[in-house]
Amino acid sequence: MGKFVITIGRQFGSGGLDVGRMLSDNLKVKCYDKELLAMAAKESGLCQEIFENHDEKPTNSFLYSLVMDTYSVSGYTSAPFLDMPLNHKVFLAQFETIKKLAEKESCIIVGRCADYALAEHPNCLNVFIHADKEFRINHIMETFHLTHDKAADMIHKTDKKRASYYNYYSSKKWGDSRSYHLTLDSSHIGLEGCCEMILNYMDVRKKNLHK
């Protein structure tokens, strides 16, 4: 199959990152989540803290389409990049880092509009992990040691941010099955079941490519 990339979109608390790490162990490739922030910061010359503060957060700027039209391949020192709003610099730097990663190695990338960044990649599998609300609340309560109400509030706010970010930058709808090759309910089949389904999907896809 050559180099491949699995992108994982996920509802907060659905275990998407855990599934990514399981796939990483099975396939012997790296799983990138917040590591992307440090890589993008290093390549762009922006402070890593800026990336952490803007990570998967929505924007209210109306300048984005104009900025993307004028941004050129001359990179981070070009006038359009230097003049654009900070949140767009962060998105664009991550976008470029994701594309470079996919050219260099097979990997798994969690979140950050990776499916959109790799829309032209010939061997990219886009997955979305979701789950029942109570499953997610229990997962977040256990992970962050929160009460039921605080976990529910955290889920609502995080999902809202992720959806706004994805919908704005990708022009697609976060969580819509048409945006992905595979959508899985981790509350019904478990995290290991999700991993197994993705691996099976890859096998079937590989066989169809060789027909």
N, C-alpha and C. Protein backbone atom coordinates (compact mmCIF):
# COMPACT_ATOMS: atom_id res chain seq x y z
N MET A 1 0.82 -1.22 0.00
CA MET A 1 0.00 0.00 0.00
C MET A 1 0.85 1.26 0.00
N GLY A 2 2.12 1.15 0.29
CA GLY A 2 2.95 2.34 0.40
C GLY A 2 2.65 3.07 1.69
N LYS A 3 2.99 4.36 1.75
CA LYS A 3 2.73 5.14 2.96
C LYS A 3 1.23 5.34 3.12
N PHE A 4 0.76 5.22 4.35
CA PHE A 4 -0.66 5.43 4.63
C PHE A 4 -0.81 6.34 5.84
N VAL A 5 -1.98 6.96 5.93
CA VAL A 5 -2.30 7.80 7.08
C VAL A 5 -3.72 7.47 7.52
N ILE A 6 -3.91 7.33 8.83
CA ILE A 6 -5.25 7.20 9.40
C ILE A 6 -5.52 8.48 10.18
N THR A 7 -6.57 9.20 9.81
CA THR A 7 -6.95 10.38 10.59
C THR A 7 -8.14 10.00 11.46
N ILE A 8 -8.15 10.51 12.68
CA ILE A 8 -9.23 10.19 13.62
C ILE A 8 -9.87 11.47 14.15
N GLY A 9 -11.11 11.71 13.74
CA GLY A 9 -11.93 12.74 14.35
C GLY A 9 -12.64 12.07 15.52
N ARG A 10 -13.00 12.83 16.54
CA ARG A 10 -13.60 12.17 17.70
C ARG A 10 -14.41 13.12 18.55
N GLN A 11 -15.52 12.60 19.07
CA GLN A 11 -16.25 13.31 20.10
C GLN A 11 -15.43 13.24 21.39
N PHE A 12 -15.51 14.28 22.18
CA PHE A 12 -14.76 14.31 23.43
C PHE A 12 -15.29 13.23 24.37
N GLY A 13 -14.38 12.40 24.88
CA GLY A 13 -14.75 11.33 25.78
C GLY A 13 -15.07 10.01 25.10
N SER A 14 -14.99 9.98 23.77
CA SER A 14 -15.31 8.74 23.04
C SER A 14 -14.13 7.78 22.97
N GLY A 15 -12.94 8.24 23.37
CA GLY A 15 -11.76 7.37 23.36
C GLY A 15 -11.03 7.36 22.03
N GLY A 16 -11.22 8.38 21.22
CA GLY A 16 -10.56 8.44 19.91
C GLY A 16 -9.04 8.37 19.98
N LEU A 17 -8.47 9.09 20.95
CA LEU A 17 -7.01 9.07 21.11
C LEU A 17 -6.54 7.69 21.54
N ASP A 18 -7.30 7.05 22.42
CA ASP A 18 -6.94 5.69 22.86
C ASP A 18 -6.95 4.72 21.68
N VAL A 19 -7.94 4.86 20.82
CA VAL A 19 -8.01 4.02 19.61
C VAL A 19 -6.80 4.28 18.72
N GLY A 20 -6.43 5.55 18.60
CA GLY A 20 -5.25 5.90 17.82
C GLY A 20 -3.99 5.25 18.35
N ARG A 21 -3.86 5.23 19.67
CA ARG A 21 -2.68 4.62 20.29
C ARG A 21 -2.67 3.10 20.12
N MET A 22 -3.86 2.49 20.16
CA MET A 22 -3.95 1.05 19.91
C MET A 22 -3.53 0.72 18.48
N LEU A 23 -3.99 1.53 17.54
CA LEU A 23 -3.61 1.34 16.14
C LEU A 23 -2.11 1.52 15.96
N SER A 24 -1.56 2.50 16.68
CA SER A 24 -0.13 2.75 16.63
C SER A 24 0.65 1.51 17.05
N ASP A 25 0.21 0.86 18.13
CA ASP A 25 0.87 -0.36 18.61
C ASP A 25 0.73 -1.50 17.61
N ASN A 26 -0.45 -1.64 17.02
CA ASN A 26 -0.71 -2.72 16.07
C ASN A 26 0.05 -2.56 14.76
N LEU A 27 0.08 -1.33 14.27
CA LEU A 27 0.66 -1.07 12.95
C LEU A 27 2.13 -0.64 13.00
N LYS A 28 2.63 -0.41 14.22
CA LYS A 28 4.03 0.00 14.41
C LYS A 28 4.33 1.32 13.70
N VAL A 29 3.40 2.26 13.82
CA VAL A 29 3.61 3.60 13.30
C VAL A 29 3.29 4.59 14.42
N LYS A 30 3.70 5.84 14.28
CA LYS A 30 3.48 6.83 15.32
C LYS A 30 2.06 7.38 15.28
N CYS A 31 1.57 7.72 16.46
CA CYS A 31 0.28 8.39 16.60
C CYS A 31 0.55 9.82 17.06
N TYR A 32 0.07 10.78 16.28
CA TYR A 32 0.32 12.19 16.59
C TYR A 32 -0.96 12.86 17.09
N ASP A 33 -0.84 13.50 18.24
CA ASP A 33 -1.94 14.29 18.79
C ASP A 33 -1.37 15.67 19.09
N LYS A 34 -1.10 15.95 20.34
CA LYS A 34 -0.55 17.26 20.70
C LYS A 34 0.91 17.42 20.26
N GLU A 35 1.56 16.30 19.88
CA GLU A 35 2.93 16.38 19.36
C GLU A 35 2.99 17.28 18.13
N LEU A 36 1.88 17.36 17.41
CA LEU A 36 1.81 18.20 16.21
C LEU A 36 2.03 19.67 16.54
N LEU A 37 1.60 20.06 17.75
CA LEU A 37 1.72 21.47 18.14
C LEU A 37 3.19 21.88 18.23
N ALA A 38 3.99 21.01 18.86
CA ALA A 38 5.42 21.31 19.01
C ALA A 38 6.10 21.32 17.65
N MET A 39 5.73 20.38 16.78
CA MET A 39 6.33 20.31 15.45
C MET A 39 5.99 21.54 14.62
N ALA A 40 4.71 21.94 14.65
CA ALA A 40 4.27 23.11 13.89
C ALA A 40 4.93 24.38 14.43
N ALA A 41 5.06 24.46 15.75
CA ALA A 41 5.69 25.63 16.37
C ALA A 41 7.15 25.75 15.91
N LYS A 42 7.85 24.62 15.91
CA LYS A 42 9.26 24.62 15.51
C LYS A 42 9.43 25.04 14.06
N GLU A 43 8.57 24.53 13.18
CA GLU A 43 8.70 24.84 11.75
C GLU A 43 8.30 26.28 11.43
N SER A 44 7.30 26.80 12.14
CA SER A 44 6.79 28.14 11.82
C SER A 44 7.55 29.24 12.55
N GLY A 45 8.23 28.88 13.65
CA GLY A 45 8.93 29.89 14.43
C GLY A 45 8.04 30.57 15.45
N LEU A 46 6.78 30.12 15.54
CA LEU A 46 5.87 30.68 16.54
C LEU A 46 6.05 29.93 17.87
N CYS A 47 5.69 30.58 18.95
CA CYS A 47 5.83 29.99 20.29
C CYS A 47 4.85 28.82 20.45
N GLN A 48 5.32 27.73 21.05
CA GLN A 48 4.46 26.55 21.22
C GLN A 48 3.23 26.88 22.07
N GLU A 49 3.38 27.78 23.04
CA GLU A 49 2.27 28.15 23.90
C GLU A 49 1.11 28.74 23.09
N ILE A 50 1.45 29.44 22.01
CA ILE A 50 0.42 30.01 21.14
C ILE A 50 -0.42 28.89 20.52
N PHE A 51 0.26 27.83 20.09
CA PHE A 51 -0.44 26.70 19.49
C PHE A 51 -1.35 26.01 20.51
N GLU A 52 -0.85 25.88 21.73
CA GLU A 52 -1.65 25.23 22.77
C GLU A 52 -2.88 26.06 23.12
N ASN A 53 -2.74 27.38 23.10
CA ASN A 53 -3.87 28.26 23.41
C ASN A 53 -4.92 28.30 22.31
N HIS A 54 -4.50 28.00 21.07
CA HIS A 54 -5.43 28.05 19.94
C HIS A 54 -5.80 26.66 19.42
N ASP A 55 -5.39 25.63 20.13
CA ASP A 55 -5.57 24.26 19.65
C ASP A 55 -7.04 23.88 19.47
N GLU A 56 -7.43 23.58 18.24
CA GLU A 56 -8.80 23.16 17.90
C GLU A 56 -9.87 24.08 18.48
N LYS A 57 -9.59 25.37 18.44
CA LYS A 57 -10.57 26.34 18.90
C LYS A 57 -11.11 27.13 17.72
N PRO A 58 -12.40 27.48 17.76
CA PRO A 58 -13.02 28.17 16.62
C PRO A 58 -12.53 29.60 16.48
N THR A 59 -12.84 30.18 15.34
CA THR A 59 -12.44 31.56 15.06
C THR A 59 -13.67 32.38 14.72
N ASN A 60 -13.60 33.66 14.97
CA ASN A 60 -14.69 34.55 14.59
C ASN A 60 -14.28 35.49 13.46
N SER A 61 -13.11 35.25 12.91
CA SER A 61 -12.59 36.16 11.89
C SER A 61 -13.27 35.97 10.54
N PHE A 62 -13.54 37.08 9.86
CA PHE A 62 -14.12 37.01 8.52
C PHE A 62 -13.03 37.15 7.44
N LEU A 63 -11.79 37.22 7.88
CA LEU A 63 -10.69 37.44 6.95
C LEU A 63 -10.14 36.14 6.37
N TYR A 64 -10.62 35.00 6.87
CA TYR A 64 -9.98 33.73 6.53
C TYR A 64 -9.93 33.45 5.04
N SER A 65 -11.05 33.61 4.33
CA SER A 65 -11.07 33.29 2.91
C SER A 65 -10.10 34.19 2.14
N LEU A 66 -10.05 35.44 2.54
CA LEU A 66 -9.12 36.38 1.91
C LEU A 66 -7.68 35.96 2.16
N VAL A 67 -7.39 35.58 3.39
CA VAL A 67 -6.05 35.16 3.77
C VAL A 67 -5.62 33.93 2.98
N MET A 68 -6.51 32.93 2.88
CA MET A 68 -6.16 31.71 2.18
C MET A 68 -5.97 31.94 0.69
N ASP A 69 -6.69 32.91 0.14
CA ASP A 69 -6.53 33.24 -1.28
C ASP A 69 -5.18 33.89 -1.56
N THR A 70 -4.67 34.64 -0.57
CA THR A 70 -3.44 35.39 -0.82
C THR A 70 -2.19 34.71 -0.29
N TYR A 71 -2.36 33.68 0.56
CA TYR A 71 -1.19 32.97 1.09
C TYR A 71 -0.48 32.26 -0.05
N SER A 72 0.83 32.41 -0.12
CA SER A 72 1.58 31.81 -1.22
C SER A 72 2.53 30.74 -0.71
N VAL A 73 3.10 29.97 -1.62
CA VAL A 73 3.99 28.88 -1.25
C VAL A 73 5.33 29.39 -0.73
N SER A 74 5.51 30.70 -0.71
CA SER A 74 6.77 31.23 -0.19
C SER A 74 6.90 31.02 1.32
N GLY A 75 5.82 30.58 1.95
CA GLY A 75 5.91 30.10 3.33
C GLY A 75 5.74 31.14 4.41
N TYR A 76 6.39 30.86 5.55
CA TYR A 76 6.12 31.61 6.76
C TYR A 76 6.72 33.02 6.77
N THR A 77 7.54 33.34 5.80
CA THR A 77 8.11 34.69 5.75
C THR A 77 7.39 35.57 4.74
N SER A 78 6.38 35.03 4.06
CA SER A 78 5.65 35.80 3.06
C SER A 78 4.76 36.84 3.74
N ALA A 79 4.50 37.92 3.04
CA ALA A 79 3.67 39.00 3.60
C ALA A 79 2.28 38.51 3.99
N PRO A 80 1.60 37.70 3.15
CA PRO A 80 0.27 37.24 3.57
C PRO A 80 0.29 36.48 4.89
N PHE A 81 1.30 35.64 5.11
CA PHE A 81 1.36 34.89 6.37
C PHE A 81 1.60 35.83 7.54
N LEU A 82 2.51 36.76 7.37
CA LEU A 82 2.86 37.68 8.45
C LEU A 82 1.69 38.58 8.82
N ASP A 83 0.83 38.89 7.84
CA ASP A 83 -0.27 39.82 8.08
C ASP A 83 -1.55 39.14 8.58
N MET A 84 -1.63 37.83 8.48
CA MET A 84 -2.89 37.16 8.82
C MET A 84 -3.11 37.08 10.33
N PRO A 85 -4.36 36.93 10.77
CA PRO A 85 -4.66 36.80 12.20
C PRO A 85 -3.94 35.60 12.81
N LEU A 86 -3.66 35.68 14.09
CA LEU A 86 -2.85 34.66 14.76
C LEU A 86 -3.47 33.27 14.66
N ASN A 87 -4.79 33.18 14.83
CA ASN A 87 -5.42 31.85 14.80
C ASN A 87 -5.28 31.20 13.43
N HIS A 88 -5.23 32.01 12.37
CA HIS A 88 -5.03 31.46 11.03
C HIS A 88 -3.59 31.00 10.83
N LYS A 89 -2.66 31.73 11.43
CA LYS A 89 -1.25 31.30 11.36
C LYS A 89 -1.10 29.93 12.01
N VAL A 90 -1.76 29.76 13.15
CA VAL A 90 -1.69 28.49 13.87
C VAL A 90 -2.28 27.37 13.03
N PHE A 91 -3.47 27.61 12.45
CA PHE A 91 -4.10 26.58 11.62
C PHE A 91 -3.22 26.24 10.42
N LEU A 92 -2.73 27.25 9.75
CA LEU A 92 -1.95 27.01 8.54
C LEU A 92 -0.64 26.28 8.84
N ALA A 93 0.00 26.63 9.95
CA ALA A 93 1.24 25.95 10.33
C ALA A 93 0.98 24.48 10.63
N GLN A 94 -0.12 24.18 11.30
CA GLN A 94 -0.48 22.78 11.56
C GLN A 94 -0.81 22.05 10.26
N PHE A 95 -1.54 22.74 9.40
CA PHE A 95 -1.93 22.20 8.09
C PHE A 95 -0.69 21.75 7.31
N GLU A 96 0.32 22.62 7.28
CA GLU A 96 1.56 22.32 6.55
C GLU A 96 2.33 21.19 7.23
N THR A 97 2.34 21.17 8.54
CA THR A 97 3.04 20.12 9.29
C THR A 97 2.40 18.76 9.02
N ILE A 98 1.08 18.72 9.01
CA ILE A 98 0.35 17.47 8.73
C ILE A 98 0.69 16.96 7.33
N LYS A 99 0.71 17.83 6.36
CA LYS A 99 1.01 17.42 4.98
C LYS A 99 2.44 16.89 4.86
N LYS A 100 3.37 17.56 5.52
CA LYS A 100 4.77 17.12 5.48
C LYS A 100 4.94 15.76 6.16
N LEU A 101 4.26 15.57 7.28
CA LEU A 101 4.31 14.29 7.99
C LEU A 101 3.84 13.15 7.10
N ALA A 102 2.72 13.39 6.42
CA ALA A 102 2.12 12.36 5.56
C ALA A 102 3.02 12.01 4.38
N GLU A 103 3.79 12.98 3.92
CA GLU A 103 4.74 12.71 2.82
C GLU A 103 5.92 11.88 3.32
N LYS A 104 6.28 12.08 4.58
CA LYS A 104 7.49 11.48 5.13
C LYS A 104 7.28 10.06 5.66
N GLU A 105 6.11 9.79 6.27
CA GLU A 105 5.94 8.51 6.95
C GLU A 105 4.48 8.09 7.04
N SER A 106 4.26 6.80 7.25
CA SER A 106 2.93 6.30 7.60
C SER A 106 2.67 6.69 9.05
N CYS A 107 1.45 7.11 9.37
CA CYS A 107 1.18 7.55 10.73
C CYS A 107 -0.31 7.63 10.99
N ILE A 108 -0.65 7.93 12.25
CA ILE A 108 -2.02 8.17 12.68
C ILE A 108 -2.07 9.58 13.23
N ILE A 109 -3.05 10.36 12.79
CA ILE A 109 -3.17 11.75 13.25
C ILE A 109 -4.55 11.94 13.85
N VAL A 110 -4.59 12.44 15.08
CA VAL A 110 -5.84 12.62 15.81
C VAL A 110 -6.26 14.09 15.75
N GLY A 111 -7.48 14.33 15.23
CA GLY A 111 -8.05 15.67 15.21
C GLY A 111 -7.38 16.64 14.26
N ARG A 112 -7.59 17.94 14.53
CA ARG A 112 -6.93 19.05 13.85
C ARG A 112 -7.15 19.10 12.34
N CYS A 113 -8.36 18.72 11.92
CA CYS A 113 -8.74 18.78 10.49
C CYS A 113 -7.78 18.03 9.58
N ALA A 114 -7.16 16.96 10.11
CA ALA A 114 -6.17 16.22 9.31
C ALA A 114 -6.78 15.63 8.06
N ASP A 115 -8.04 15.19 8.13
CA ASP A 115 -8.68 14.64 6.93
C ASP A 115 -8.79 15.68 5.83
N TYR A 116 -9.04 16.92 6.22
CA TYR A 116 -9.13 18.02 5.24
C TYR A 116 -7.75 18.35 4.68
N ALA A 117 -6.75 18.41 5.56
CA ALA A 117 -5.38 18.70 5.12
C ALA A 117 -4.88 17.66 4.13
N LEU A 118 -5.34 16.42 4.30
CA LEU A 118 -4.85 15.31 3.47
C LEU A 118 -5.88 14.85 2.43
N ALA A 119 -6.75 15.76 2.03
CA ALA A 119 -7.82 15.41 1.08
C ALA A 119 -7.27 14.85 -0.23
N GLU A 120 -6.06 15.26 -0.60
CA GLU A 120 -5.46 14.79 -1.86
C GLU A 120 -4.54 13.59 -1.66
N HIS A 121 -4.39 13.15 -0.43
CA HIS A 121 -3.49 12.01 -0.16
C HIS A 121 -4.10 10.73 -0.73
N PRO A 122 -3.34 9.97 -1.51
CA PRO A 122 -3.90 8.79 -2.18
C PRO A 122 -4.21 7.62 -1.26
N ASN A 123 -3.67 7.62 -0.06
CA ASN A 123 -3.84 6.46 0.82
C ASN A 123 -4.14 6.90 2.25
N CYS A 124 -5.22 7.68 2.37
CA CYS A 124 -5.61 8.21 3.67
C CYS A 124 -6.97 7.64 4.06
N LEU A 125 -7.07 7.13 5.27
CA LEU A 125 -8.32 6.59 5.79
C LEU A 125 -8.84 7.53 6.88
N ASN A 126 -10.02 8.08 6.69
CA ASN A 126 -10.59 9.04 7.63
C ASN A 126 -11.66 8.38 8.49
N VAL A 127 -11.45 8.43 9.80
CA VAL A 127 -12.32 7.76 10.76
C VAL A 127 -12.90 8.78 11.73
N PHE A 128 -14.14 8.55 12.16
CA PHE A 128 -14.73 9.38 13.22
C PHE A 128 -15.24 8.45 14.32
N ILE A 129 -14.82 8.72 15.56
CA ILE A 129 -15.24 7.93 16.72
C ILE A 129 -16.26 8.74 17.52
N HIS A 130 -17.41 8.13 17.80
CA HIS A 130 -18.42 8.79 18.62
C HIS A 130 -18.91 7.78 19.67
N ALA A 131 -19.74 8.23 20.58
CA ALA A 131 -20.23 7.35 21.65
C ALA A 131 -21.45 7.95 22.32
N ASP A 132 -22.20 7.10 23.01
CA ASP A 132 -23.34 7.58 23.80
C ASP A 132 -22.86 8.57 24.85
N LYS A 133 -23.73 9.51 25.21
CA LYS A 133 -23.34 10.57 26.14
C LYS A 133 -22.90 10.02 27.50
N GLU A 134 -23.64 9.05 28.05
CA GLU A 134 -23.28 8.53 29.37
C GLU A 134 -21.93 7.82 29.36
N PHE A 135 -21.64 7.14 28.27
CA PHE A 135 -20.32 6.49 28.11
C PHE A 135 -19.23 7.55 28.17
N ARG A 136 -19.45 8.64 27.46
CA ARG A 136 -18.45 9.72 27.41
C ARG A 136 -18.32 10.42 28.76
N ILE A 137 -19.45 10.64 29.41
CA ILE A 137 -19.41 11.28 30.73
C ILE A 137 -18.63 10.42 31.72
N ASN A 138 -18.89 9.14 31.72
CA ASN A 138 -18.17 8.24 32.63
C ASN A 138 -16.67 8.21 32.32
N HIS A 139 -16.35 8.23 31.03
CA HIS A 139 -14.94 8.21 30.62
C HIS A 139 -14.22 9.47 31.10
N ILE A 140 -14.87 10.62 30.96
CA ILE A 140 -14.28 11.90 31.38
C ILE A 140 -14.23 12.01 32.90
N MET A 141 -15.25 11.53 33.59
CA MET A 141 -15.24 11.53 35.06
C MET A 141 -14.03 10.74 35.58
N GLU A 142 -13.79 9.59 34.96
CA GLU A 142 -12.69 8.73 35.38
C GLU A 142 -11.33 9.32 35.01
N THR A 143 -11.25 9.89 33.82
CA THR A 143 -9.97 10.43 33.34
C THR A 143 -9.54 11.68 34.09
N PHE A 144 -10.47 12.59 34.31
CA PHE A 144 -10.14 13.89 34.91
C PHE A 144 -10.61 14.04 36.36
N HIS A 145 -11.19 12.96 36.92
CA HIS A 145 -11.67 12.97 38.31
C HIS A 145 -12.67 14.11 38.55
N LEU A 146 -13.69 14.15 37.70
CA LEU A 146 -14.71 15.19 37.77
C LEU A 146 -16.05 14.61 38.22
N THR A 147 -16.93 15.50 38.66
CA THR A 147 -18.30 15.09 38.96
C THR A 147 -19.04 14.87 37.65
N HIS A 148 -20.21 14.24 37.74
CA HIS A 148 -21.03 13.97 36.55
C HIS A 148 -21.37 15.26 35.81
N ASP A 149 -21.82 16.28 36.55
CA ASP A 149 -22.24 17.54 35.93
C ASP A 149 -21.07 18.27 35.27
N LYS A 150 -19.92 18.26 35.94
CA LYS A 150 -18.75 18.95 35.38
C LYS A 150 -18.24 18.23 34.14
N ALA A 151 -18.29 16.90 34.15
CA ALA A 151 -17.88 16.12 32.98
C ALA A 151 -18.81 16.39 31.80
N ALA A 152 -20.11 16.44 32.07
CA ALA A 152 -21.10 16.71 31.02
C ALA A 152 -20.88 18.10 30.42
N ASP A 153 -20.59 19.08 31.27
CA ASP A 153 -20.35 20.45 30.81
C ASP A 153 -19.07 20.53 29.97
N MET A 154 -18.04 19.83 30.40
CA MET A 154 -16.77 19.80 29.67
C MET A 154 -16.96 19.17 28.28
N ILE A 155 -17.75 18.11 28.21
CA ILE A 155 -18.03 17.45 26.94
C ILE A 155 -18.76 18.40 26.00
N HIS A 156 -19.79 19.06 26.52
CA HIS A 156 -20.58 19.99 25.70
C HIS A 156 -19.71 21.10 25.11
N LYS A 157 -18.89 21.71 25.97
CA LYS A 157 -18.06 22.83 25.53
C LYS A 157 -16.96 22.39 24.56
N THR A 158 -16.33 21.24 24.83
CA THR A 158 -15.23 20.77 23.97
C THR A 158 -15.75 20.36 22.61
N ASP A 159 -16.87 19.64 22.58
CA ASP A 159 -17.45 19.23 21.30
C ASP A 159 -17.86 20.45 20.48
N LYS A 160 -18.40 21.45 21.15
CA LYS A 160 -18.83 22.67 20.46
C LYS A 160 -17.63 23.37 19.81
N LYS A 161 -16.52 23.44 20.54
CA LYS A 161 -15.30 24.05 20.00
C LYS A 161 -14.76 23.25 18.82
N ARG A 162 -14.70 21.93 18.97
CA ARG A 162 -14.17 21.09 17.90
C ARG A 162 -15.02 21.19 16.65
N ALA A 163 -16.34 21.18 16.82
CA ALA A 163 -17.24 21.27 15.68
C ALA A 163 -17.08 22.61 14.96
N SER A 164 -17.02 23.69 15.73
CA SER A 164 -16.87 25.02 15.14
C SER A 164 -15.56 25.14 14.37
N TYR A 165 -14.50 24.63 14.97
CA TYR A 165 -13.17 24.66 14.34
C TYR A 165 -13.18 23.88 13.03
N TYR A 166 -13.68 22.66 13.10
CA TYR A 166 -13.68 21.79 11.91
C TYR A 166 -14.58 22.36 10.82
N ASN A 167 -15.79 22.76 11.18
CA ASN A 167 -16.74 23.27 10.19
C ASN A 167 -16.23 24.54 9.52
N TYR A 168 -15.53 25.37 10.30
CA TYR A 168 -15.04 26.64 9.75
C TYR A 168 -13.89 26.42 8.78
N TYR A 169 -12.90 25.66 9.21
CA TYR A 169 -11.70 25.52 8.40
C TYR A 169 -11.84 24.50 7.26
N SER A 170 -12.69 23.52 7.42
CA SER A 170 -12.78 22.46 6.39
C SER A 170 -13.93 22.65 5.42
N SER A 171 -14.89 23.51 5.75
CA SER A 171 -16.10 23.68 4.94
C SER A 171 -16.91 22.38 4.86
N LYS A 172 -16.69 21.47 5.81
CA LYS A 172 -17.48 20.24 5.92
C LYS A 172 -18.14 20.25 7.29
N LYS A 173 -18.92 19.20 7.58
CA LYS A 173 -19.61 19.16 8.86
C LYS A 173 -18.99 18.10 9.76
N TRP A 174 -18.55 18.55 10.93
CA TRP A 174 -17.91 17.67 11.91
C TRP A 174 -18.88 16.58 12.33
N GLY A 175 -18.45 15.32 12.25
CA GLY A 175 -19.28 14.21 12.67
C GLY A 175 -20.23 13.68 11.61
N ASP A 176 -20.38 14.39 10.49
CA ASP A 176 -21.25 13.92 9.40
C ASP A 176 -20.58 12.72 8.74
N SER A 177 -21.27 11.60 8.65
CA SER A 177 -20.66 10.37 8.13
C SER A 177 -20.12 10.54 6.71
N ARG A 178 -20.69 11.48 5.95
CA ARG A 178 -20.22 11.70 4.57
C ARG A 178 -18.82 12.31 4.51
N SER A 179 -18.35 12.83 5.64
CA SER A 179 -17.02 13.43 5.69
C SER A 179 -15.92 12.40 5.96
N TYR A 180 -16.32 11.15 6.23
CA TYR A 180 -15.35 10.13 6.66
C TYR A 180 -15.58 8.82 5.89
N HIS A 181 -14.55 7.98 5.89
CA HIS A 181 -14.70 6.65 5.30
C HIS A 181 -15.39 5.69 6.27
N LEU A 182 -15.20 5.94 7.56
CA LEU A 182 -15.68 5.01 8.57
C LEU A 182 -16.07 5.78 9.83
N THR A 183 -17.28 5.55 10.36
CA THR A 183 -17.68 6.12 11.64
C THR A 183 -18.03 4.98 12.59
N LEU A 184 -17.54 5.07 13.82
CA LEU A 184 -17.68 3.96 14.77
C LEU A 184 -18.19 4.45 16.12
N ASP A 185 -19.06 3.65 16.73
CA ASP A 185 -19.61 3.96 18.05
C ASP A 185 -18.86 3.15 19.11
N SER A 186 -17.96 3.83 19.81
CA SER A 186 -17.12 3.13 20.79
C SER A 186 -17.90 2.64 22.00
N SER A 187 -19.08 3.24 22.27
CA SER A 187 -19.88 2.79 23.40
C SER A 187 -20.58 1.46 23.11
N HIS A 188 -20.66 1.09 21.85
CA HIS A 188 -21.30 -0.16 21.47
C HIS A 188 -20.30 -1.29 21.22
N ILE A 189 -19.15 -0.96 20.63
CA ILE A 189 -18.19 -2.03 20.30
C ILE A 189 -16.89 -1.93 21.09
N GLY A 190 -16.76 -0.92 21.93
CA GLY A 190 -15.56 -0.78 22.75
C GLY A 190 -14.38 -0.21 21.97
N LEU A 191 -13.37 0.22 22.69
CA LEU A 191 -12.20 0.82 22.04
C LEU A 191 -11.43 -0.22 21.24
N GLU A 192 -11.26 -1.41 21.81
CA GLU A 192 -10.56 -2.48 21.09
C GLU A 192 -11.35 -2.89 19.85
N GLY A 193 -12.68 -2.89 19.97
CA GLY A 193 -13.52 -3.20 18.82
C GLY A 193 -13.35 -2.19 17.70
N CYS A 194 -13.23 -0.91 18.07
CA CYS A 194 -13.00 0.15 17.07
C CYS A 194 -11.67 -0.09 16.36
N CYS A 195 -10.64 -0.40 17.13
CA CYS A 195 -9.33 -0.67 16.56
C CYS A 195 -9.41 -1.84 15.58
N GLU A 196 -10.09 -2.89 15.99
CA GLU A 196 -10.22 -4.08 15.15
C GLU A 196 -10.98 -3.78 13.85
N MET A 197 -12.04 -2.99 13.96
CA MET A 197 -12.83 -2.62 12.78
C MET A 197 -12.01 -1.82 11.78
N ILE A 198 -11.18 -0.91 12.30
CA ILE A 198 -10.34 -0.09 11.42
C ILE A 198 -9.30 -0.95 10.71
N LEU A 199 -8.69 -1.87 11.45
CA LEU A 199 -7.71 -2.78 10.85
C LEU A 199 -8.36 -3.66 9.80
N ASN A 200 -9.57 -4.15 10.08
CA ASN A 200 -10.29 -4.97 9.10
C ASN A 200 -10.63 -4.16 7.85
N TYR A 201 -11.03 -2.93 8.06
CA TYR A 201 -11.36 -2.04 6.94
C TYR A 201 -10.13 -1.85 6.05
N MET A 202 -8.98 -1.65 6.68
CA MET A 202 -7.74 -1.48 5.91
C MET A 202 -7.43 -2.73 5.09
N ASP A 203 -7.64 -3.90 5.67
CA ASP A 203 -7.39 -5.16 4.95
C ASP A 203 -8.30 -5.29 3.74
N VAL A 204 -9.59 -5.00 3.92
CA VAL A 204 -10.54 -5.08 2.82
C VAL A 204 -10.19 -4.08 1.72
N ARG A 205 -9.83 -2.89 2.14
CA ARG A 205 -9.46 -1.84 1.18
C ARG A 205 -8.23 -2.24 0.38
N LYS A 206 -7.27 -2.84 1.07
CA LYS A 206 -6.03 -3.29 0.42
C LYS A 206 -6.35 -4.36 -0.64
N LYS A 207 -7.24 -5.30 -0.28
CA LYS A 207 -7.60 -6.37 -1.23
C LYS A 207 -8.29 -5.80 -2.47
N ASN A 208 -9.17 -4.81 -2.26
CA ASN A 208 -9.87 -4.20 -3.38
C ASN A 208 -8.94 -3.44 -4.30
N LEU A 209 -7.89 -2.86 -3.73
CA LEU A 209 -6.90 -2.14 -4.55
C LEU A 209 -6.14 -3.09 -5.47
N HIS A 210 -6.00 -4.34 -5.05
CA HIS A 210 -5.22 -5.31 -5.83
C HIS A 210 -6.08 -6.16 -6.77
N LYS A 211 -7.38 -5.87 -6.82
CA LYS A 211 -8.26 -6.63 -7.72
C LYS A 211 -8.06 -6.18 -9.17
